């Protein structure tokens, strides 16, 4: 391999008036060659005056250039031997200097973007969790709203039913009020009729009857008040007797019908049966003779 050295790299010769410049080529062996110093072929410099032989500026410049080229040529060899030295030092237990391989700037940019991606991914996961929680709460609230609507519909149905019942009750109450007014009116009319008969025709007829019975030596008729009291007592006795007879018939019918709710058992219950005492009193009352209407 040859390298061209321009003439401007020889400053001490460029301004000398008696020196002619020639192109110089440096030849060196590749790194696989032996460690001998590469041969340098330098063309002769012509036209040097005798008085300039002691200075030799061109020789010094050529030697410096040759030394720099030797260092440049030996650099690949040193780079090739460096991994071997590191391997030997690591095998001996000592760690040598680390050499960065690859494009470390791209690696730093990639690491920064990866960290930023992780940060945004964590933020996205947090927001996603909040959204899912809000959706769960929304579903729960929607279910509660649906339950409330169903309950409201049931309450509306019950309210409608109660309003209908209330309307029917009000109608029945109005009918009862009307019947009450009608019956009160009839009662007032009957009382007026009774008063008219008592003070008019009844009083005159009773006076005549009492006079004739006295003439015949008979006792006078009882007064109207006594007759009304007697009729009232008789009415109450008949009503009481009819009520007891209905009660006795209900008790007998209940006793003869088999009970469906109570299963038959083998043992009889102890003590007096229910209603026996009241039944005996009712029978004794019904068998008692009615009061005389004297």
C-alpha atoms as a PDB file:
ATOM      1  CA  UNK A   1       0.000   0.000   0.000  1.00  0.00           C
ATOM      2  CA  UNK A   2       1.360   3.404  -0.973  1.00  0.00           C
ATOM      3  CA  UNK A   3       0.603   6.783   0.502  1.00  0.00           C
ATOM      4  CA  UNK A   4       1.110  10.081  -1.230  1.00  0.00           C
ATOM      5  CA  UNK A   5       2.643  12.815   0.868  1.00  0.00           C
ATOM      6  CA  UNK A   6       2.066  16.287  -0.546  1.00  0.00           C
ATOM      7  CA  UNK A   7       4.874  18.746  -0.716  1.00  0.00           C
ATOM      8  CA  UNK A   8       3.304  21.164   1.722  1.00  0.00           C
ATOM      9  CA  UNK A   9       4.135  18.728   4.578  1.00  0.00           C
ATOM     10  CA  UNK A  10       7.829  19.624   4.159  1.00  0.00           C
ATOM     11  CA  UNK A  11       7.922  23.149   5.468  1.00  0.00           C
ATOM     12  CA  UNK A  12      11.702  23.411   5.801  1.00  0.00           C
ATOM     13  CA  UNK A  13      12.232  22.536   2.147  1.00  0.00           C
ATOM     14  CA  UNK A  14       9.380  24.442   0.613  1.00  0.00           C
ATOM     15  CA  UNK A  15      11.020  27.840   0.983  1.00  0.00           C
ATOM     16  CA  UNK A  16      14.625  26.829   0.174  1.00  0.00           C
ATOM     17  CA  UNK A  17      15.776  28.345  -3.131  1.00  0.00           C
ATOM     18  CA  UNK A  18      18.188  25.561  -4.080  1.00  0.00           C
ATOM     19  CA  UNK A  19      15.965  22.512  -3.411  1.00  0.00           C
ATOM     20  CA  UNK A  20      13.792  20.853  -6.034  1.00  0.00           C
ATOM     21  CA  UNK A  21      10.742  18.903  -4.792  1.00  0.00           C
ATOM     22  CA  UNK A  22       9.992  15.345  -5.811  1.00  0.00           C
ATOM     23  CA  UNK A  23       7.049  13.061  -4.940  1.00  0.00           C
ATOM     24  CA  UNK A  24       7.834  10.689  -2.083  1.00  0.00           C
ATOM     25  CA  UNK A  25       6.110   7.220  -1.560  1.00  0.00           C
ATOM     26  CA  UNK A  26       6.191   5.212   1.648  1.00  0.00           C
ATOM     27  CA  UNK A  27       5.836   1.421   1.480  1.00  0.00           C
ATOM     28  CA  UNK A  28       4.992  -0.756   4.514  1.00  0.00           C
ATOM     29  CA  UNK A  29       4.079  -4.375   5.008  1.00  0.00           C
ATOM     30  CA  UNK A  30       0.571  -5.497   6.177  1.00  0.00           C
ATOM     31  CA  UNK A  31      -0.136  -6.361   9.860  1.00  0.00           C
ATOM     32  CA  UNK A  32       0.373 -10.112   9.245  1.00  0.00           C
ATOM     33  CA  UNK A  33       3.906  -9.509   8.203  1.00  0.00           C
ATOM     34  CA  UNK A  34       6.836  -9.752  10.571  1.00  0.00           C
ATOM     35  CA  UNK A  35       7.556  -7.035  13.109  1.00  0.00           C
ATOM     36  CA  UNK A  36      10.460  -5.677  11.106  1.00  0.00           C
ATOM     37  CA  UNK A  37      10.464  -2.004  10.254  1.00  0.00           C
ATOM     38  CA  UNK A  38       8.913  -1.431   6.832  1.00  0.00           C
ATOM     39  CA  UNK A  39      11.212  -0.436   4.055  1.00  0.00           C
ATOM     40  CA  UNK A  40      11.006   3.166   3.078  1.00  0.00           C
ATOM     41  CA  UNK A  41      12.017   4.235  -0.356  1.00  0.00           C
ATOM     42  CA  UNK A  42      12.873   7.837  -0.599  1.00  0.00           C
ATOM     43  CA  UNK A  43      13.956   9.356  -3.822  1.00  0.00           C
ATOM     44  CA  UNK A  44      17.126  11.334  -3.825  1.00  0.00           C
ATOM     45  CA  UNK A  45      16.957  15.017  -3.376  1.00  0.00           C
ATOM     46  CA  UNK A  46      18.862  16.800  -5.994  1.00  0.00           C
ATOM     47  CA  UNK A  47      20.450  20.215  -6.045  1.00  0.00           C
ATOM     48  CA  UNK A  48      21.491  20.525  -2.388  1.00  0.00           C
ATOM     49  CA  UNK A  49      24.332  22.934  -1.841  1.00  0.00           C
ATOM     50  CA  UNK A  50      27.399  21.799   0.169  1.00  0.00           C
ATOM     51  CA  UNK A  51      26.781  24.462   2.786  1.00  0.00           C
ATOM     52  CA  UNK A  52      23.321  22.890   3.550  1.00  0.00           C
ATOM     53  CA  UNK A  53      24.573  19.343   4.193  1.00  0.00           C
ATOM     54  CA  UNK A  54      24.961  19.917   7.924  1.00  0.00           C
ATOM     55  CA  UNK A  55      21.266  20.868   8.389  1.00  0.00           C
ATOM     56  CA  UNK A  56      19.612  18.002   6.398  1.00  0.00           C
ATOM     57  CA  UNK A  57      16.034  19.265   6.718  1.00  0.00           C
ATOM     58  CA  UNK A  58      14.663  16.823   4.169  1.00  0.00           C
ATOM     59  CA  UNK A  59      16.029  13.750   5.961  1.00  0.00           C
ATOM     60  CA  UNK A  60      14.493  14.809   9.272  1.00  0.00           C
ATOM     61  CA  UNK A  61      11.132  15.377   7.680  1.00  0.00           C
ATOM     62  CA  UNK A  62      11.236  12.014   5.923  1.00  0.00           C
ATOM     63  CA  UNK A  63      12.151  10.222   9.169  1.00  0.00           C
ATOM     64  CA  UNK A  64       9.234  11.872  11.049  1.00  0.00           C
ATOM     65  CA  UNK A  65       6.809  10.947   8.327  1.00  0.00           C
ATOM     66  CA  UNK A  66       8.091   7.378   8.263  1.00  0.00           C
ATOM     67  CA  UNK A  67       7.616   7.059  12.063  1.00  0.00           C
ATOM     68  CA  UNK A  68       4.011   8.299  11.870  1.00  0.00           C
ATOM     69  CA  UNK A  69       3.262   5.858   9.069  1.00  0.00           C
ATOM     70  CA  UNK A  70       4.731   3.003  11.122  1.00  0.00           C
ATOM     71  CA  UNK A  71       2.422   3.896  14.024  1.00  0.00           C
ATOM     72  CA  UNK A  72      -0.542   4.026  11.647  1.00  0.00           C
ATOM     73  CA  UNK A  73       0.405   0.639  10.209  1.00  0.00           C
ATOM     74  CA  UNK A  74       0.828  -0.923  13.639  1.00  0.00           C
ATOM     75  CA  UNK A  75      -2.596   0.360  14.865  1.00  0.00           C
ATOM     76  CA  UNK A  76      -4.699  -2.513  13.336  1.00  0.00           C
ATOM     77  CA  UNK A  77      -2.252  -4.977  14.831  1.00  0.00           C
ATOM     78  CA  UNK A  78      -2.674  -3.407  18.283  1.00  0.00           C
ATOM     79  CA  UNK A  79      -6.469  -3.373  17.908  1.00  0.00           C
ATOM     80  CA  UNK A  80      -6.390  -7.036  16.923  1.00  0.00           C
ATOM     81  CA  UNK A  81      -4.171  -7.920  19.886  1.00  0.00           C
ATOM     82  CA  UNK A  82      -6.266  -5.931  22.387  1.00  0.00           C
ATOM     83  CA  UNK A  83      -9.154  -8.493  22.650  1.00  0.00           C
ATOM     84  CA  UNK A  84      -6.532 -11.200  23.175  1.00  0.00           C
ATOM     85  CA  UNK A  85      -5.029  -9.190  26.045  1.00  0.00           C
ATOM     86  CA  UNK A  86      -8.492  -8.664  27.530  1.00  0.00           C
ATOM     87  CA  UNK A  87      -9.277 -12.370  27.268  1.00  0.00           C
ATOM     88  CA  UNK A  88      -5.992 -13.264  28.902  1.00  0.00           C
ATOM     89  CA  UNK A  89      -6.516 -10.691  31.664  1.00  0.00           C
ATOM     90  CA  UNK A  90     -10.080 -11.976  32.324  1.00  0.00           C
ATOM     91  CA  UNK A  91      -8.754 -15.548  32.473  1.00  0.00           C
ATOM     92  CA  UNK A  92      -6.145 -14.413  34.967  1.00  0.00           C
ATOM     93  CA  UNK A  93      -8.852 -12.856  37.204  1.00  0.00           C
ATOM     94  CA  UNK A  94      -8.269  -9.216  36.358  1.00  0.00           C
ATOM     95  CA  UNK A  95     -10.850  -7.140  34.466  1.00  0.00           C
ATOM     96  CA  UNK A  96      -9.446  -4.922  31.758  1.00  0.00           C
ATOM     97  CA  UNK A  97     -10.944  -1.721  30.432  1.00  0.00           C
ATOM     98  CA  UNK A  98     -14.370  -2.035  28.757  1.00  0.00           C
ATOM     99  CA  UNK A  99     -14.712  -0.882  25.187  1.00  0.00           C
ATOM    100  CA  UNK A 100     -18.086   0.385  23.988  1.00  0.00           C
ATOM    101  CA  UNK A 101     -19.353  -1.504  20.945  1.00  0.00           C
ATOM    102  CA  UNK A 102     -22.135  -0.350  18.649  1.00  0.00           C
ATOM    103  CA  UNK A 103     -23.842   2.990  18.436  1.00  0.00           C
ATOM    104  CA  UNK A 104     -24.322   3.968  22.105  1.00  0.00           C
ATOM    105  CA  UNK A 105     -26.251   7.134  21.208  1.00  0.00           C
ATOM    106  CA  UNK A 106     -28.999   5.069  19.548  1.00  0.00           C
ATOM    107  CA  UNK A 107     -29.053   2.783  22.597  1.00  0.00           C
ATOM    108  CA  UNK A 108     -29.537   5.768  24.909  1.00  0.00           C
ATOM    109  CA  UNK A 109     -32.369   7.112  22.750  1.00  0.00           C
ATOM    110  CA  UNK A 110     -33.972   3.667  22.719  1.00  0.00           C
ATOM    111  CA  UNK A 111     -33.703   3.370  26.506  1.00  0.00           C
ATOM    112  CA  UNK A 112     -35.217   6.841  26.970  1.00  0.00           C
ATOM    113  CA  UNK A 113     -38.127   6.001  24.683  1.00  0.00           C
ATOM    114  CA  UNK A 114     -38.631   2.655  26.468  1.00  0.00           C
ATOM    115  CA  UNK A 115     -38.777   4.422  29.864  1.00  0.00           C
ATOM    116  CA  UNK A 116     -41.248   6.962  28.496  1.00  0.00           C
ATOM    117  CA  UNK A 117     -43.334   4.137  27.034  1.00  0.00           C
ATOM    118  CA  UNK A 118     -43.447   2.377  30.413  1.00  0.00           C
ATOM    119  CA  UNK A 119     -44.478   5.610  32.119  1.00  0.00           C
ATOM    120  CA  UNK A 120     -47.326   6.232  29.678  1.00  0.00           C
ATOM    121  CA  UNK A 121     -48.351   2.561  29.839  1.00  0.00           C
ATOM    122  CA  UNK A 122     -48.649   2.759  33.645  1.00  0.00           C
ATOM    123  CA  UNK A 123     -50.698   5.957  33.349  1.00  0.00           C
ATOM    124  CA  UNK A 124     -52.929   4.272  30.760  1.00  0.00           C
ATOM    125  CA  UNK A 125     -53.426   1.247  33.038  1.00  0.00           C
ATOM    126  CA  UNK A 126     -54.378   3.554  35.918  1.00  0.00           C
ATOM    127  CA  UNK A 127     -56.937   5.395  33.804  1.00  0.00           C
ATOM    128  CA  UNK A 128     -58.258   2.071  32.486  1.00  0.00           C
ATOM    129  CA  UNK A 129     -58.753   0.841  36.059  1.00  0.00           C
ATOM    130  CA  UNK A 130     -60.637   4.031  36.922  1.00  0.00           C
ATOM    131  CA  UNK A 131     -62.839   3.641  33.834  1.00  0.00           C
ATOM    132  CA  UNK A 132     -63.608  -0.008  34.651  1.00  0.00           C
ATOM    133  CA  UNK A 133     -64.467   0.907  38.230  1.00  0.00           C
ATOM    134  CA  UNK A 134     -66.744   3.691  37.019  1.00  0.00           C
ATOM    135  CA  UNK A 135     -68.434   1.257  34.591  1.00  0.00           C
ATOM    136  CA  UNK A 136     -69.007  -1.223  37.432  1.00  0.00           C
ATOM    137  CA  UNK A 137     -70.521   1.517  39.604  1.00  0.00           C
ATOM    138  CA  UNK A 138     -72.666   2.615  36.648  1.00  0.00           C
ATOM    139  CA  UNK A 139     -73.965  -0.929  36.139  1.00  0.00           C
ATOM    140  CA  UNK A 140     -74.765  -1.193  39.852  1.00  0.00           C
ATOM    141  CA  UNK A 141     -76.606   2.131  39.834  1.00  0.00           C
ATOM    142  CA  UNK A 142     -78.511   1.101  36.705  1.00  0.00           C
ATOM    143  CA  UNK A 143     -79.597  -2.117  38.431  1.00  0.00           C
ATOM    144  CA  UNK A 144     -80.713  -0.128  41.466  1.00  0.00           C
ATOM    145  CA  UNK A 145     -82.681   2.227  39.211  1.00  0.00           C
ATOM    146  CA  UNK A 146     -84.349  -0.785  37.552  1.00  0.00           C
ATOM    147  CA  UNK A 147     -85.268  -2.218  40.967  1.00  0.00           C
ATOM    148  CA  UNK A 148     -86.669   1.125  42.049  1.00  0.00           C
ATOM    149  CA  UNK A 149     -88.742   1.317  38.852  1.00  0.00           C
ATOM    150  CA  UNK A 150     -90.158  -2.155  39.482  1.00  0.00           C
ATOM    151  CA  UNK A 151     -90.968  -1.235  43.068  1.00  0.00           C
ATOM    152  CA  UNK A 152     -92.599   1.973  41.838  1.00  0.00           C
ATOM    153  CA  UNK A 153     -94.720  -0.013  39.383  1.00  0.00           C
ATOM    154  CA  UNK A 154     -95.823  -2.341  42.178  1.00  0.00           C
ATOM    155  CA  UNK A 155     -96.652   0.623  44.375  1.00  0.00           C
ATOM    156  CA  UNK A 156     -98.601   2.249  41.538  1.00  0.00           C
ATOM    157  CA  UNK A 157    -100.588  -0.955  41.056  1.00  0.00           C
ATOM    158  CA  UNK A 158    -101.283  -1.164  44.774  1.00  0.00           C
ATOM    159  CA  UNK A 159    -102.205   2.509  44.817  1.00  0.00           C
ATOM    160  CA  UNK A 160    -104.622   2.005  41.920  1.00  0.00           C
ATOM    161  CA  UNK A 161    -106.182  -0.967  43.682  1.00  0.00           C
ATOM    162  CA  UNK A 162    -106.504   0.965  46.935  1.00  0.00           C
ATOM    163  CA  UNK A 163    -107.966   3.963  45.111  1.00  0.00           C
ATOM    164  CA  UNK A 164    -110.537   1.696  43.497  1.00  0.00           C
ATOM    165  CA  UNK A 165    -111.325   0.180  46.866  1.00  0.00           C
ATOM    166  CA  UNK A 166    -111.537   3.639  48.390  1.00  0.00           C
ATOM    167  CA  UNK A 167    -113.904   4.738  45.634  1.00  0.00           C
ATOM    168  CA  UNK A 168    -116.098   1.709  46.271  1.00  0.00           C
ATOM    169  CA  UNK A 169    -115.972   2.383  49.998  1.00  0.00           C
ATOM    170  CA  UNK A 170    -116.943   5.994  49.450  1.00  0.00           C
ATOM    171  CA  UNK A 171    -119.827   4.915  47.241  1.00  0.00           C
ATOM    172  CA  UNK A 172    -120.986   2.444  49.868  1.00  0.00           C
ATOM    173  CA  UNK A 173    -120.650   5.118  52.527  1.00  0.00           C
ATOM    174  CA  UNK A 174    -122.732   7.509  50.454  1.00  0.00           C
ATOM    175  CA  UNK A 175    -125.355   4.818  50.052  1.00  0.00           C
ATOM    176  CA  UNK A 176    -125.306   4.160  53.798  1.00  0.00           C
ATOM    177  CA  UNK A 177    -125.669   7.871  54.513  1.00  0.00           C
ATOM    178  CA  UNK A 178    -128.601   8.041  52.125  1.00  0.00           C
ATOM    179  CA  UNK A 179    -130.222   5.016  53.715  1.00  0.00           C
ATOM    180  CA  UNK A 180    -129.617   6.482  57.167  1.00  0.00           C
ATOM    181  CA  UNK A 181    -131.290   9.731  56.175  1.00  0.00           C
ATOM    182  CA  UNK A 182    -134.208   7.844  54.634  1.00  0.00           C
ATOM    183  CA  UNK A 183    -134.682   5.634  57.697  1.00  0.00           C
ATOM    184  CA  UNK A 184    -134.415   8.612  60.046  1.00  0.00           C
ATOM    185  CA  UNK A 185    -137.089  10.341  58.022  1.00  0.00           C
ATOM    186  CA  UNK A 186    -139.319   7.282  58.226  1.00  0.00           C
ATOM    187  CA  UNK A 187    -138.685   7.083  61.968  1.00  0.00           C
ATOM    188  CA  UNK A 188    -139.657  10.690  62.415  1.00  0.00           C
ATOM    189  CA  UNK A 189    -142.829  10.089  60.423  1.00  0.00           C
ATOM    190  CA  UNK A 190    -143.673   7.055  62.546  1.00  0.00           C
ATOM    191  CA  UNK A 191    -143.076   8.981  65.755  1.00  0.00           C
ATOM    192  CA  UNK A 192    -145.370  11.749  64.555  1.00  0.00           C
ATOM    193  CA  UNK A 193    -148.005   9.169  63.631  1.00  0.00           C
ATOM    194  CA  UNK A 194    -147.688   7.518  67.056  1.00  0.00           C
ATOM    195  CA  UNK A 195    -148.056  10.851  68.788  1.00  0.00           C
ATOM    196  CA  UNK A 196    -151.121  11.701  66.711  1.00  0.00           C
ATOM    197  CA  UNK A 197    -152.759   8.343  67.409  1.00  0.00           C
ATOM    198  CA  UNK A 198    -151.875   8.420  71.084  1.00  0.00           C
ATOM    199  CA  UNK A 199    -153.249  11.863  71.640  1.00  0.00           C
ATOM    200  CA  UNK A 200    -156.230  11.440  69.278  1.00  0.00           C
ATOM    201  CA  UNK A 201    -158.089   8.255  68.438  1.00  0.00           C
ATOM    202  CA  UNK A 202    -156.242   6.014  70.899  1.00  0.00           C
ATOM    203  CA  UNK A 203    -156.923   8.303  73.857  1.00  0.00           C
ATOM    204  CA  UNK A 204    -160.681   8.539  73.044  1.00  0.00           C
ATOM    205  CA  UNK A 205    -161.036   4.808  72.444  1.00  0.00           C
ATOM    206  CA  UNK A 206    -159.187   3.926  75.645  1.00  0.00           C
ATOM    207  CA  UNK A 207    -161.337   6.293  77.624  1.00  0.00           C
ATOM    208  CA  UNK A 208    -164.466   4.592  76.306  1.00  0.00           C
ATOM    209  CA  UNK A 209    -163.098   1.102  76.980  1.00  0.00           C
ATOM    210  CA  UNK A 210    -162.019   1.979  80.507  1.00  0.00           C
ATOM    211  CA  UNK A 211    -165.443   3.449  81.246  1.00  0.00           C
ATOM    212  CA  UNK A 212    -167.298   0.411  79.929  1.00  0.00           C
ATOM    213  CA  UNK A 213    -165.051  -2.057  81.750  1.00  0.00           C
ATOM    214  CA  UNK A 214    -165.553  -0.131  84.959  1.00  0.00           C
ATOM    215  CA  UNK A 215    -169.290  -0.281  84.467  1.00  0.00           C
ATOM    216  CA  UNK A 216    -169.045  -4.027  83.934  1.00  0.00           C
ATOM    217  CA  UNK A 217    -166.889  -4.433  87.031  1.00  0.00           C
ATOM    218  CA  UNK A 218    -163.698  -5.416  85.151  1.00  0.00           C
ATOM    219  CA  UNK A 219    -160.219  -4.143  85.765  1.00  0.00           C
ATOM    220  CA  UNK A 220    -159.004  -1.380  83.444  1.00  0.00           C
ATOM    221  CA  UNK A 221    -156.595  -2.148  80.630  1.00  0.00           C
ATOM    222  CA  UNK A 222    -152.853  -1.618  81.220  1.00  0.00           C
ATOM    223  CA  UNK A 223    -151.412   1.653  80.084  1.00  0.00           C
ATOM    224  CA  UNK A 224    -149.729   2.103  76.752  1.00  0.00           C
ATOM    225  CA  UNK A 225    -146.318   2.437  78.411  1.00  0.00           C
ATOM    226  CA  UNK A 226    -146.715  -0.908  80.221  1.00  0.00           C
ATOM    227  CA  UNK A 227    -147.782  -2.593  77.003  1.00  0.00           C
ATOM    228  CA  UNK A 228    -144.716  -1.233  75.179  1.00  0.00           C
ATOM    229  CA  UNK A 229    -142.378  -2.422  77.935  1.00  0.00           C
ATOM    230  CA  UNK A 230    -143.888  -5.887  77.818  1.00  0.00           C
ATOM    231  CA  UNK A 231    -143.469  -6.073  74.060  1.00  0.00           C
ATOM    232  CA  UNK A 232    -139.856  -4.917  74.379  1.00  0.00           C
ATOM    233  CA  UNK A 233    -139.006  -7.621  76.906  1.00  0.00           C
ATOM    234  CA  UNK A 234    -140.662 -10.278  74.752  1.00  0.00           C
ATOM    235  CA  UNK A 235    -138.709  -9.122  71.694  1.00  0.00           C
ATOM    236  CA  UNK A 236    -135.410  -9.238  73.558  1.00  0.00           C
ATOM    237  CA  UNK A 237    -136.114 -12.749  74.862  1.00  0.00           C
ATOM    238  CA  UNK A 238    -136.957 -14.044  71.385  1.00  0.00           C
ATOM    239  CA  UNK A 239    -133.834 -12.503  69.939  1.00  0.00           C
ATOM    240  CA  UNK A 240    -131.660 -13.972  72.684  1.00  0.00           C
ATOM    241  CA  UNK A 241    -133.124 -17.417  72.200  1.00  0.00           C
ATOM    242  CA  UNK A 242    -132.674 -17.267  68.437  1.00  0.00           C
ATOM    243  CA  UNK A 243    -129.062 -16.188  68.859  1.00  0.00           C
ATOM    244  CA  UNK A 244    -128.291 -19.078  71.250  1.00  0.00           C
ATOM    245  CA  UNK A 245    -129.915 -21.602  68.920  1.00  0.00           C
ATOM    246  CA  UNK A 246    -127.773 -20.352  66.009  1.00  0.00           C
ATOM    247  CA  UNK A 247    -124.657 -20.599  68.169  1.00  0.00           C
ATOM    248  CA  UNK A 248    -125.491 -24.153  69.262  1.00  0.00           C
ATOM    249  CA  UNK A 249    -126.120 -25.227  65.667  1.00  0.00           C
ATOM    250  CA  UNK A 250    -122.773 -23.752  64.589  1.00  0.00           C
ATOM    251  CA  UNK A 251    -120.985 -25.580  67.416  1.00  0.00           C
ATOM    252  CA  UNK A 252    -122.631 -28.898  66.515  1.00  0.00           C
ATOM    253  CA  UNK A 253    -121.797 -28.455  62.838  1.00  0.00           C
ATOM    254  CA  UNK A 254    -118.185 -27.631  63.664  1.00  0.00           C
ATOM    255  CA  UNK A 255    -117.905 -30.635  65.942  1.00  0.00           C
ATOM    256  CA  UNK A 256    -119.314 -33.083  63.398  1.00  0.00           C
ATOM    257  CA  UNK A 257    -117.098 -31.882  60.521  1.00  0.00           C
ATOM    258  CA  UNK A 258    -113.583 -33.429  60.561  1.00  0.00           C
ATOM    259  CA  UNK A 259    -110.759 -30.982  60.925  1.00  0.00           C
ATOM    260  CA  UNK A 260    -108.437 -30.951  57.940  1.00  0.00           C
ATOM    261  CA  UNK A 261    -105.621 -29.014  59.533  1.00  0.00           C
ATOM    262  CA  UNK A 262    -105.097 -31.187  62.648  1.00  0.00           C
ATOM    263  CA  UNK A 263    -103.893 -34.692  61.797  1.00  0.00           C
ATOM    264  CA  UNK A 264    -105.413 -37.529  63.876  1.00  0.00           C
ATOM    265  CA  UNK A 265    -103.203 -38.812  66.648  1.00  0.00           C
ATOM    266  CA  UNK A 266    -103.296 -41.979  68.652  1.00  0.00           C
ATOM    267  CA  UNK A 267    -103.453 -40.284  72.059  1.00  0.00           C
ATOM    268  CA  UNK A 268    -106.376 -38.221  73.260  1.00  0.00           C
ATOM    269  CA  UNK A 269    -105.556 -34.771  74.660  1.00  0.00           C
ATOM    270  CA  UNK A 270    -105.838 -34.409  78.393  1.00  0.00           C
ATOM    271  CA  UNK A 271    -108.102 -31.972  80.181  1.00  0.00           C
ATOM    272  CA  UNK A 272    -111.468 -30.546  79.312  1.00  0.00           C
ATOM    273  CA  UNK A 273    -112.175 -30.040  75.622  1.00  0.00           C
ATOM    274  CA  UNK A 274    -112.401 -26.504  74.352  1.00  0.00           C
ATOM    275  CA  UNK A 275    -115.887 -24.945  74.465  1.00  0.00           C
ATOM    276  CA  UNK A 276    -117.418 -27.598  76.715  1.00  0.00           C
ATOM    277  CA  UNK A 277    -118.083 -25.166  79.565  1.00  0.00           C
ATOM    278  CA  UNK A 278    -119.653 -22.558  77.307  1.00  0.00           C
ATOM    279  CA  UNK A 279    -121.660 -25.249  75.534  1.00  0.00           C
ATOM    280  CA  UNK A 280    -123.160 -26.451  78.793  1.00  0.00           C
ATOM    281  CA  UNK A 281    -124.169 -22.906  79.752  1.00  0.00           C
ATOM    282  CA  UNK A 282    -125.767 -22.355  76.353  1.00  0.00           C
ATOM    283  CA  UNK A 283    -127.764 -25.578  76.630  1.00  0.00           C
ATOM    284  CA  UNK A 284    -128.939 -24.690  80.138  1.00  0.00           C
ATOM    285  CA  UNK A 285    -130.006 -21.240  78.970  1.00  0.00           C
ATOM    286  CA  UNK A 286    -131.921 -22.637  76.005  1.00  0.00           C
ATOM    287  CA  UNK A 287    -133.732 -25.170  78.213  1.00  0.00           C
ATOM    288  CA  UNK A 288    -134.765 -22.494  80.753  1.00  0.00           C
ATOM    289  CA  UNK A 289    -138.480 -21.477  80.555  1.00  0.00           C
ATOM    290  CA  UNK A 290    -139.230 -18.060  79.080  1.00  0.00           C
ATOM    291  CA  UNK A 291    -140.214 -15.258  81.382  1.00  0.00           C
ATOM    292  CA  UNK A 292    -143.927 -14.742  81.914  1.00  0.00           C
ATOM    293  CA  UNK A 293    -145.472 -11.708  80.305  1.00  0.00           C
ATOM    294  CA  UNK A 294    -147.511 -10.610  83.286  1.00  0.00           C
END
